[in-house]
Each structure stands twice: as structure tokens, then as C-alpha cells.
């Protein structure tokens, strides 16, 4: 009898030590599977893009290969696209992705980690856009405190003599075209939501300065930068503009207009003025698309040796044209153009992996002017940077354009 009991005990023990690890392994595997979002062939392009991002970058700050969390305009742009997708699908995983980033970057007292207002970096304003909706949903006062911080930065932001926001403290007297996207949609939403629209004239003034000083009279397109003092080495001595018309810069500007108009009251005298600016740049940019319907890195010189079709510029312009048409700012013909260009974008830039993941090829690097070492802003500078796949501006803009076109 004792022998039988001993044998039974050994049998139970052996089963236990082998079964337990198997159970743990199965639990681990099921957890891993749950965290890996399956991409269906039937999913829309917008969802395929978002799921690819979630799988490749579990934390939003990891996009573009970042090794540490940071408060950055690229994350703001990416998460803005996720917010629009969440509003369309009501899928909480998209909202959670936004909230996790915000909660990692904002401390318990409601301060942005490693943020310094005195840098007056206008890029820091852009991520604030994701906090309006988060605050409305959660009523977490930390989010509202950051909104106030960023509004205070704009209040104190240095300006050119004619009233345009400097891009950064280290770039005196300079307006950069991407700065319009970084500041104005946030600024408009804030002043309409919390200030009864008191700053709407100032917002329109920023666009007026672009129209008067950064818009090329020959092409109707916009330069990346304008130095009102005309002192920096890259500035045209007569106009103060930088030398190159940058494709992505046009995209930033057009998106700034359509997203500012989302909150700009129709009753305001400058509402129609802003729509006029959008129509002007849209008409001009159509003249410079390739035969396939896409846009170049140096937008006005397709024949330039080494110039190339660029995905972030193309997707931003597609999104702005589609949204502008949907909102009634532009005619329906622009929507048709956007649809054709979107199809061309997929053919030219999108590579789908074995698991259905999205790869966007040949994205231009970030560019700037001045600084150390000095960036001269020539056409050659813009086309000489090393491209890479899946740069966040292209991913975010593609997601937004797909949402707008319901693809």
C-alpha cells in the first residue's frame, strides 16, 4: 500500500512540475498574441497603418527610433492622427495609445517633463492638441494645466517686428512655414474654447504674414523660412526668404489652414480670408504635381538632378485637399484629385509586409536652416539628406489622408 501511495505521489508531482510551466507558457503566449494586433486584409488603410504603428512602437515616443521619451511635434502629429481614428472607430486602443504618451510625459503636478518655456520652441505647442479631448473625457486637471502652460508660451513667444512668431529663441526674427502648423490649430482651438475667441485676429495675422512674405510670387508656393531682418546668410537680401520651396513645408502649411478652419468661427471676418489662402495654395500646388499625381522634395523643380517624389509631402497635400473639399472650403474637383493621388501614393510608396503591415518608403529626413553646423537651405541641401522608410510624418499624414478619403 505504501508503495502505491509513493508511486501515486510521484505521478502527481511529475504532472505538476511539467503542467505548470506549460500553463505559464500558454498564458504568456496568449498575452503576447493579445498585444500583437492582427492586421486583416479587409481592414482599411487607416487601420492597417495604425495597427502597424502599435505593433512596431508599443510606446508612441519610440517612433522614428527614439530611445527616450520626449515631448515632440512628431509624436503630436502622429497621435493627432490616432485621435481622428479613435473618433471615427470608437476603438479604445487608439485612445489608450494617446493617453499613455500623455501620462508618461506629464508629471503628477501637471508639468511637461524636460520642457523649458524659455526655449520658445514653437514645435512644443503641437503635442498640446491631443490634450483637449483627453481633458474632456477624463477631467484630469493635469491636462488642462499643460494646455495653459502652452498657451502661456504663445503669449510670451518672441515675435518679428511685424508680429510673426519666431520659430525658436535661437532663430531670431525668423518665421518657419512648419511653425504655422505647430501653433495655429492649437492656438485657435484654445482661444475659441477658453477665451471667447479673443486671439482670432492674431491667428489670421500669422497666415497673412506667410501670404505676404513667404509666398513665391512666381509659383504661388511657399518657402520654408523668412527672416524679417534679412541678416542671416541664407536669406534673400531683397525678400528675406530661404532659397528652397520644400514639399513637406507646403504640406505643413496646407494642413495648418484646414485644421485652423476647423475651429475658426464662420462669422469672423477673417474666416473667408483664410479660405482664400487655402484656395490660392491649392490651385498653385496642383500645377506642380507629377504626372502620377505626387509631389517632389523640392516642389517647384521636378527636373532638378537628384530630386525625388516624397511621401510625407504628398500625403499631407492629399489630406489637406480632401479635407478642404469635404468641408466645403475647396471645390469637389480637389477631392477627385486627392483620390487619384492617394492611389498613386500606394503604388509608389507603400509596401505591404507578410503580416499585412504597412511600410512607407523613401521618406525625407528632417531639415532646417542655420544652426551649427550651418545649414544653408540650398536645393542641394534638401535633396542630399538620407531618406528612410516609415518616417513618422509620412505615416501620420497617410493615416489622415486615408481617413479623410475613407480608405
Protein backbone atom coordinates (compact mmCIF):
# COMPACT_ATOMS: atom_id res chain seq x y z
CA UNK A 1 0.00 0.00 0.00
CA UNK A 2 2.80 2.43 0.90
CA UNK A 3 4.48 1.64 -2.42
CA UNK A 4 1.30 2.51 -4.32
CA UNK A 5 0.92 5.78 -2.42
CA UNK A 6 4.55 6.66 -3.17
CA UNK A 7 4.04 5.93 -6.87
CA UNK A 8 0.85 7.99 -6.95
CA UNK A 9 2.63 10.92 -5.24
CA UNK A 10 5.47 10.78 -7.76
CA UNK A 11 2.98 10.72 -10.63
CA UNK A 12 1.11 13.76 -9.32
CA UNK A 13 4.42 15.57 -8.65
CA UNK A 14 5.72 14.88 -12.15
CA UNK A 15 2.48 16.03 -13.74
CA UNK A 16 2.53 19.19 -11.63
CA UNK A 17 6.08 20.22 -12.45
CA UNK A 18 5.52 19.68 -16.16
CA UNK A 19 2.00 21.03 -16.44
CA UNK A 20 2.66 24.24 -14.51
CA UNK A 21 5.32 25.56 -16.93
CA UNK A 22 3.10 24.62 -19.84
CA UNK A 23 0.25 26.64 -18.33
CA UNK A 24 2.57 29.60 -17.71
CA UNK A 25 3.88 29.36 -21.27
CA UNK A 26 0.37 29.26 -22.67
CA UNK A 27 -0.60 32.29 -20.60
CA UNK A 28 2.50 34.15 -21.81
CA UNK A 29 1.79 33.24 -25.42
CA UNK A 30 -1.85 34.28 -25.17
CA UNK A 31 -0.74 37.58 -23.61
CA UNK A 32 1.75 38.14 -26.43
CA UNK A 33 -0.89 37.35 -29.01
CA UNK A 34 -3.28 39.80 -27.33
CA UNK A 35 -0.66 42.53 -27.51
CA UNK A 36 0.10 41.87 -31.17
CA UNK A 37 -2.68 43.44 -33.19
CA UNK A 38 -3.67 41.24 -36.09
CA UNK A 39 -3.89 43.17 -39.36
CA UNK A 40 -6.71 41.95 -41.56
CA UNK A 41 -6.57 42.13 -45.33
CA UNK A 42 -10.06 43.59 -45.16
CA UNK A 43 -9.04 46.46 -42.87
CA UNK A 44 -8.98 49.99 -44.25
CA UNK A 45 -5.64 51.62 -44.99
CA UNK A 46 -6.05 53.91 -41.97
CA UNK A 47 -6.45 50.99 -39.57
CA UNK A 48 -3.66 48.97 -41.18
CA UNK A 49 -1.34 51.91 -40.67
CA UNK A 50 -2.38 52.42 -37.05
CA UNK A 51 -2.06 48.73 -36.18
CA UNK A 52 1.36 48.62 -37.80
CA UNK A 53 2.44 51.53 -35.62
CA UNK A 54 1.02 49.93 -32.47
CA UNK A 55 2.88 46.69 -33.20
CA UNK A 56 6.19 48.31 -34.12
CA UNK A 57 6.17 51.04 -31.47
CA UNK A 58 4.35 49.93 -28.29
CA UNK A 59 5.12 53.38 -26.87
CA UNK A 60 4.38 56.35 -29.09
CA UNK A 61 7.66 58.09 -28.22
CA UNK A 62 9.56 55.17 -29.80
CA UNK A 63 8.55 56.29 -33.29
CA UNK A 64 11.47 57.23 -35.55
CA UNK A 65 13.81 55.13 -33.41
CA UNK A 66 13.79 57.42 -30.35
CA UNK A 67 15.44 55.81 -27.34
CA UNK A 68 13.95 58.08 -24.66
CA UNK A 69 10.56 59.71 -24.14
CA UNK A 70 10.33 63.31 -25.27
CA UNK A 71 7.71 65.99 -25.87
CA UNK A 72 7.93 66.35 -29.61
CA UNK A 73 5.96 67.68 -32.56
CA UNK A 74 6.27 64.38 -34.42
CA UNK A 75 4.55 62.46 -31.63
CA UNK A 76 1.94 65.20 -31.53
CA UNK A 77 1.26 64.81 -35.25
CA UNK A 78 1.16 61.02 -35.05
CA UNK A 79 -1.18 60.98 -32.05
CA UNK A 80 -3.41 63.60 -33.64
CA UNK A 81 -3.97 61.08 -36.44
CA UNK A 82 -4.77 58.42 -33.81
CA UNK A 83 -7.27 60.78 -32.20
CA UNK A 84 -9.07 61.21 -35.51
CA UNK A 85 -9.08 57.43 -35.99
CA UNK A 86 -10.48 56.93 -32.48
CA UNK A 87 -13.25 59.44 -33.20
CA UNK A 88 -14.08 57.53 -36.36
CA UNK A 89 -13.95 53.98 -34.92
CA UNK A 90 -14.55 54.46 -31.18
CA UNK A 91 -11.87 51.79 -30.62
CA UNK A 92 -10.35 52.39 -27.19
CA UNK A 93 -6.90 51.07 -28.08
CA UNK A 94 -6.27 54.18 -30.14
CA UNK A 95 -7.32 56.47 -27.29
CA UNK A 96 -5.22 54.45 -24.81
CA UNK A 97 -2.14 54.90 -27.01
CA UNK A 98 -2.59 58.68 -26.85
CA UNK A 99 -3.24 58.69 -23.10
CA UNK A 100 -0.21 56.52 -22.32
CA UNK A 101 2.04 59.01 -24.08
CA UNK A 102 0.47 61.99 -22.32
CA UNK A 103 0.73 60.32 -18.91
CA UNK A 104 4.36 59.38 -19.48
CA UNK A 105 5.27 62.94 -20.45
CA UNK A 106 3.20 64.86 -17.87
CA UNK A 107 4.12 64.51 -14.19
CA UNK A 108 1.75 64.32 -11.21
CA UNK A 109 1.86 68.11 -10.79
CA UNK A 110 0.84 68.75 -14.39
CA UNK A 111 4.21 69.74 -15.80
CA UNK A 112 5.72 68.54 -19.07
CA UNK A 113 8.89 66.62 -18.36
CA UNK A 114 12.07 68.37 -19.59
CA UNK A 115 10.06 71.24 -21.04
CA UNK A 116 11.52 74.75 -20.88
CA UNK A 117 9.30 77.64 -21.91
CA UNK A 118 12.32 79.93 -22.24
CA UNK A 119 13.46 77.94 -25.30
CA UNK A 120 10.38 79.34 -27.06
CA UNK A 121 10.37 76.35 -29.37
CA UNK A 122 7.11 76.60 -31.27
CA UNK A 123 7.32 72.86 -32.05
CA UNK A 124 6.47 72.20 -28.37
CA UNK A 125 2.98 73.60 -28.86
CA UNK A 126 1.83 70.98 -31.38
CA UNK A 127 1.51 67.97 -29.00
CA UNK A 128 -0.83 70.06 -26.86
CA UNK A 129 -3.62 69.41 -29.37
CA UNK A 130 -4.11 65.87 -28.04
CA UNK A 131 -4.91 67.19 -24.55
CA UNK A 132 -8.18 68.95 -25.36
CA UNK A 133 -10.00 65.69 -25.97
CA UNK A 134 -8.20 63.87 -23.14
CA UNK A 135 -9.29 66.56 -20.71
CA UNK A 136 -12.89 66.49 -21.96
CA UNK A 137 -13.01 62.72 -21.43
CA UNK A 138 -11.11 62.40 -18.14
CA UNK A 139 -11.41 65.83 -16.48
CA UNK A 140 -7.83 65.25 -15.34
CA UNK A 141 -6.63 68.72 -14.33
CA UNK A 142 -3.05 67.89 -15.32
CA UNK A 143 -4.07 68.06 -18.97
CA UNK A 144 -5.69 71.45 -18.57
CA UNK A 145 -2.64 72.74 -16.71
CA UNK A 146 -0.42 71.82 -19.66
CA UNK A 147 -2.84 73.50 -22.08
CA UNK A 148 -2.47 76.67 -20.01
CA UNK A 149 1.34 76.29 -19.99
CA UNK A 150 1.47 76.07 -23.78
CA UNK A 151 -0.91 78.99 -24.19
CA UNK A 152 1.38 80.99 -21.89
CA UNK A 153 4.33 80.11 -24.13
CA UNK A 154 2.50 81.58 -27.12
CA UNK A 155 1.64 84.66 -25.07
CA UNK A 156 5.35 85.21 -24.40
CA UNK A 157 6.71 83.86 -27.70
CA UNK A 158 9.18 86.34 -29.29
CA UNK A 159 7.89 87.95 -32.48
CA UNK A 160 9.23 89.59 -35.58
CA UNK A 161 8.80 93.35 -35.92
CA UNK A 162 5.58 92.77 -37.89
CA UNK A 163 4.15 90.37 -35.31
CA UNK A 164 5.04 86.88 -36.55
CA UNK A 165 6.05 84.17 -34.08
CA UNK A 166 9.76 83.33 -34.05
CA UNK A 167 10.23 79.62 -34.63
CA UNK A 168 12.61 79.32 -31.67
CA UNK A 169 14.54 81.61 -29.35
CA UNK A 170 17.72 80.56 -31.18
CA UNK A 171 16.29 81.69 -34.54
CA UNK A 172 15.67 85.44 -34.05
CA UNK A 173 13.36 87.29 -36.45
CA UNK A 174 12.53 84.09 -38.34
CA UNK A 175 9.15 82.59 -39.23
CA UNK A 176 9.28 78.99 -40.46
CA UNK A 177 6.41 77.64 -42.54
CA UNK A 178 6.06 74.50 -40.40
CA UNK A 179 5.59 76.77 -37.38
CA UNK A 180 2.14 77.65 -38.69
CA UNK A 181 1.11 74.02 -38.24
CA UNK A 182 2.81 73.74 -34.85
CA UNK A 183 0.98 76.72 -33.35
CA UNK A 184 -2.14 77.89 -35.14
CA UNK A 185 -4.54 74.90 -34.88
CA UNK A 186 -3.77 74.66 -31.13
CA UNK A 187 -3.96 78.43 -30.71
CA UNK A 188 -7.33 78.58 -32.48
CA UNK A 189 -8.87 75.72 -30.53
CA UNK A 190 -7.64 77.20 -27.25
CA UNK A 191 -8.83 80.76 -27.84
CA UNK A 192 -12.24 79.61 -29.07
CA UNK A 193 -12.66 77.10 -26.21
CA UNK A 194 -11.33 79.14 -23.29
CA UNK A 195 -11.01 82.80 -24.35
CA UNK A 196 -14.15 83.54 -26.33
CA UNK A 197 -12.02 83.85 -29.46
CA UNK A 198 -10.03 86.90 -28.32
CA UNK A 199 -6.92 85.94 -30.36
CA UNK A 200 -8.55 85.14 -33.69
CA UNK A 201 -7.19 88.29 -35.32
CA UNK A 202 -3.66 87.41 -34.19
CA UNK A 203 -4.01 83.92 -35.69
CA UNK A 204 -5.16 85.36 -39.02
CA UNK A 205 -2.19 87.75 -38.85
CA UNK A 206 0.25 84.80 -38.81
CA UNK A 207 -1.24 83.48 -42.05
CA UNK A 208 -1.30 86.96 -43.57
CA UNK A 209 2.44 87.27 -42.96
CA UNK A 210 3.01 83.97 -44.74
CA UNK A 211 0.90 85.13 -47.64
CA UNK A 212 2.77 88.43 -47.89
CA UNK A 213 6.33 87.30 -47.21
CA UNK A 214 6.81 83.53 -47.65
CA UNK A 215 4.70 83.01 -50.77
CA UNK A 216 6.68 82.99 -54.00
CA UNK A 217 5.09 85.40 -56.47
CA UNK A 218 6.06 83.27 -59.47
CA UNK A 219 4.85 79.84 -58.39
CA UNK A 220 2.34 80.67 -55.66
CA UNK A 221 4.11 78.13 -53.43
CA UNK A 222 5.69 78.83 -50.03
CA UNK A 223 9.32 78.94 -48.96
CA UNK A 224 10.32 77.24 -45.74
CA UNK A 225 11.62 80.32 -43.90
CA UNK A 226 11.57 84.10 -43.79
CA UNK A 227 13.99 86.28 -41.88
CA UNK A 228 12.35 89.66 -41.48
CA UNK A 229 15.70 91.25 -40.62
CA UNK A 230 17.29 89.73 -43.77
CA UNK A 231 20.51 89.34 -41.78
CA UNK A 232 21.13 85.58 -41.75
CA UNK A 233 23.33 84.15 -44.51
CA UNK A 234 20.62 82.03 -46.14
CA UNK A 235 18.16 84.94 -46.53
CA UNK A 236 17.43 86.51 -49.89
CA UNK A 237 18.72 90.10 -49.46
CA UNK A 238 15.57 91.52 -51.07
CA UNK A 239 12.80 89.29 -49.70
CA UNK A 240 14.36 87.62 -46.64
CA UNK A 241 13.16 84.18 -47.76
CA UNK A 242 15.19 80.99 -47.70
CA UNK A 243 16.28 79.54 -51.08
CA UNK A 244 14.11 76.42 -51.36
CA UNK A 245 10.44 75.58 -51.78
CA UNK A 246 10.17 72.41 -49.71
CA UNK A 247 7.44 69.89 -50.47
CA UNK A 248 6.77 68.96 -46.85
CA UNK A 249 6.71 72.65 -45.95
CA UNK A 250 3.81 73.15 -48.34
CA UNK A 251 2.10 70.20 -46.66
CA UNK A 252 2.55 71.66 -43.17
CA UNK A 253 1.10 74.97 -44.34
CA UNK A 254 -1.94 73.49 -46.06
CA UNK A 255 -2.69 71.29 -43.04
CA UNK A 256 -2.33 74.34 -40.79
CA UNK A 257 -5.04 76.09 -42.79
CA UNK A 258 -7.58 73.23 -42.88
CA UNK A 259 -7.10 72.39 -39.20
CA UNK A 260 -7.28 76.03 -38.08
CA UNK A 261 -10.51 76.39 -40.05
CA UNK A 262 -11.96 73.50 -38.01
CA UNK A 263 -12.28 75.93 -35.08
CA UNK A 264 -12.30 79.35 -36.73
CA UNK A 265 -15.84 80.80 -36.50
CA UNK A 266 -17.61 81.23 -39.81
CA UNK A 267 -18.96 84.55 -38.59
CA UNK A 268 -15.49 86.03 -38.16
CA UNK A 269 -14.38 88.47 -40.92
CA UNK A 270 -11.10 86.56 -41.43
CA UNK A 271 -12.79 83.20 -41.99
CA UNK A 272 -13.22 83.83 -45.72
CA UNK A 273 -9.72 85.28 -45.90
CA UNK A 274 -8.23 82.01 -44.62
CA UNK A 275 -10.33 80.04 -47.10
CA UNK A 276 -8.95 82.31 -49.81
CA UNK A 277 -5.39 81.47 -48.76
CA UNK A 278 -6.22 77.76 -48.90
CA UNK A 279 -7.69 78.10 -52.40
CA UNK A 280 -4.64 80.02 -53.59
CA UNK A 281 -2.09 77.45 -52.35
CA UNK A 282 -4.25 74.54 -53.53
CA UNK A 283 -4.54 75.94 -57.03
CA UNK A 284 -0.78 76.53 -57.13
CA UNK A 285 0.25 73.14 -55.76
CA UNK A 286 -1.83 71.30 -58.35
CA UNK A 287 0.36 72.86 -61.03
CA UNK A 288 3.42 71.14 -59.56
CA UNK A 289 2.24 67.57 -59.06
CA UNK A 290 3.92 64.87 -61.09
CA UNK A 291 2.14 63.14 -63.96
CA UNK A 292 1.26 60.35 -61.50
CA UNK A 293 -0.22 62.86 -59.03
CA UNK A 294 2.53 63.13 -56.40
CA UNK A 295 4.87 65.89 -55.23
CA UNK A 296 8.62 66.38 -55.11
CA UNK A 297 11.02 67.08 -52.26
CA UNK A 298 11.98 70.38 -53.93
CA UNK A 299 8.46 71.11 -55.05
CA UNK A 300 8.98 73.60 -57.84
CA UNK A 301 11.92 71.90 -59.58
CA UNK A 302 10.93 68.38 -60.67
CA UNK A 303 13.74 68.39 -63.26
CA UNK A 304 16.44 69.07 -60.64
CA UNK A 305 19.08 66.34 -60.64
CA UNK A 306 18.68 64.15 -57.57
CA UNK A 307 15.21 65.47 -56.78
CA UNK A 308 12.63 62.81 -55.91
CA UNK A 309 8.97 62.20 -55.23
CA UNK A 310 8.48 62.49 -51.48
CA UNK A 311 5.79 60.64 -49.47
CA UNK A 312 5.27 62.93 -46.46
CA UNK A 313 4.75 65.98 -48.68
CA UNK A 314 2.43 64.04 -50.96
CA UNK A 315 0.32 62.58 -48.14
CA UNK A 316 -0.01 65.93 -46.36
CA UNK A 317 -1.17 67.64 -49.54
CA UNK A 318 -3.60 64.80 -50.32
CA UNK A 319 -5.06 65.05 -46.82
CA UNK A 320 -5.43 68.84 -46.99
CA UNK A 321 -7.07 68.75 -50.43
CA UNK A 322 -9.50 66.01 -49.38
CA UNK A 323 -10.37 67.67 -46.07
CA UNK A 324 -10.67 71.09 -47.68
CA UNK A 325 -13.10 69.70 -50.22
CA UNK A 326 -15.11 67.75 -47.64
CA UNK A 327 -15.50 70.87 -45.52
CA UNK A 328 -16.59 72.96 -48.49
CA UNK A 329 -13.54 75.23 -48.49
CA UNK A 330 -12.47 73.81 -51.86
CA UNK A 331 -14.50 72.54 -54.83
CA UNK A 332 -15.23 68.85 -55.33
CA UNK A 333 -12.59 68.62 -58.08
CA UNK A 334 -9.91 68.77 -55.40
CA UNK A 335 -11.40 65.68 -53.76
CA UNK A 336 -11.14 63.83 -57.07
CA UNK A 337 -7.51 64.90 -57.38
CA UNK A 338 -6.84 63.70 -53.83
CA UNK A 339 -8.37 60.30 -54.58
CA UNK A 340 -6.24 59.79 -57.69
CA UNK A 341 -3.12 60.95 -55.88
CA UNK A 342 -3.86 58.61 -52.97
CA UNK A 343 -3.96 55.65 -55.34
CA UNK A 344 -0.69 56.80 -56.90
CA UNK A 345 0.79 57.12 -53.39
CA UNK A 346 0.04 53.47 -52.61
CA UNK A 347 1.56 52.34 -55.88
CA UNK A 348 4.70 54.48 -55.46
CA UNK A 349 5.44 54.35 -51.74
CA UNK A 350 3.53 51.62 -49.89
CA UNK A 351 4.94 48.16 -49.37
CA UNK A 352 2.77 45.66 -47.51
CA UNK A 353 4.58 43.01 -45.45
CA UNK A 354 3.72 39.36 -44.92
CA UNK A 355 1.69 40.11 -41.80
CA UNK A 356 -0.18 42.91 -43.53
CA UNK A 357 1.99 45.62 -42.00
CA UNK A 358 2.43 48.92 -43.82
CA UNK A 359 5.81 50.27 -44.87
CA UNK A 360 6.13 53.72 -46.43
CA UNK A 361 9.31 54.01 -48.45
CA UNK A 362 11.78 56.82 -49.11
CA UNK A 363 10.72 59.43 -46.54
CA UNK A 364 12.90 62.54 -46.44
CA UNK A 365 14.76 63.38 -43.22
CA UNK A 366 14.03 66.42 -41.08
CA UNK A 367 15.53 69.62 -42.44
CA UNK A 368 16.21 73.09 -41.05
CA UNK A 369 18.23 76.24 -41.59
CA UNK A 370 21.05 77.96 -39.76
CA UNK A 371 22.35 76.39 -36.56
CA UNK A 372 25.71 74.71 -36.04
CA UNK A 373 26.92 73.37 -38.38
CA UNK A 374 25.28 75.97 -40.57
CA UNK A 375 22.52 74.73 -42.91
CA UNK A 376 22.37 76.94 -45.97
CA UNK A 377 18.95 75.88 -47.26
CA UNK A 378 20.00 75.35 -50.87
CA UNK A 379 18.14 72.97 -53.17
CA UNK A 380 21.11 70.61 -52.93
CA UNK A 381 20.85 70.53 -49.13
CA UNK A 382 17.22 69.38 -49.32
CA UNK A 383 17.88 66.56 -51.77
CA UNK A 384 21.12 65.32 -50.23
CA UNK A 385 19.69 64.09 -46.92
CA UNK A 386 19.44 60.34 -46.47
CA UNK A 387 15.90 59.05 -46.84
CA UNK A 388 14.47 56.29 -44.67
CA UNK A 389 11.40 54.10 -44.54
CA UNK A 390 8.48 54.76 -42.19
CA UNK A 391 9.32 58.29 -41.08
CA UNK A 392 6.54 59.42 -38.75
CA UNK A 393 5.40 62.47 -40.78
CA UNK A 394 4.62 60.17 -43.71
CA UNK A 395 2.87 57.56 -41.55
CA UNK A 396 0.70 60.14 -39.81
CA UNK A 397 -0.18 62.01 -42.99
CA UNK A 398 -1.00 58.78 -44.82
CA UNK A 399 -3.28 57.71 -41.96
CA UNK A 400 -5.05 61.09 -42.03
CA UNK A 401 -5.44 61.08 -45.80
CA UNK A 402 -6.84 57.54 -45.71
CA UNK A 403 -9.33 58.58 -43.01
CA UNK A 404 -10.43 61.60 -44.99
CA UNK A 405 -10.92 59.50 -48.11
CA UNK A 406 -12.41 56.62 -46.06
CA UNK A 407 -9.86 54.14 -47.35
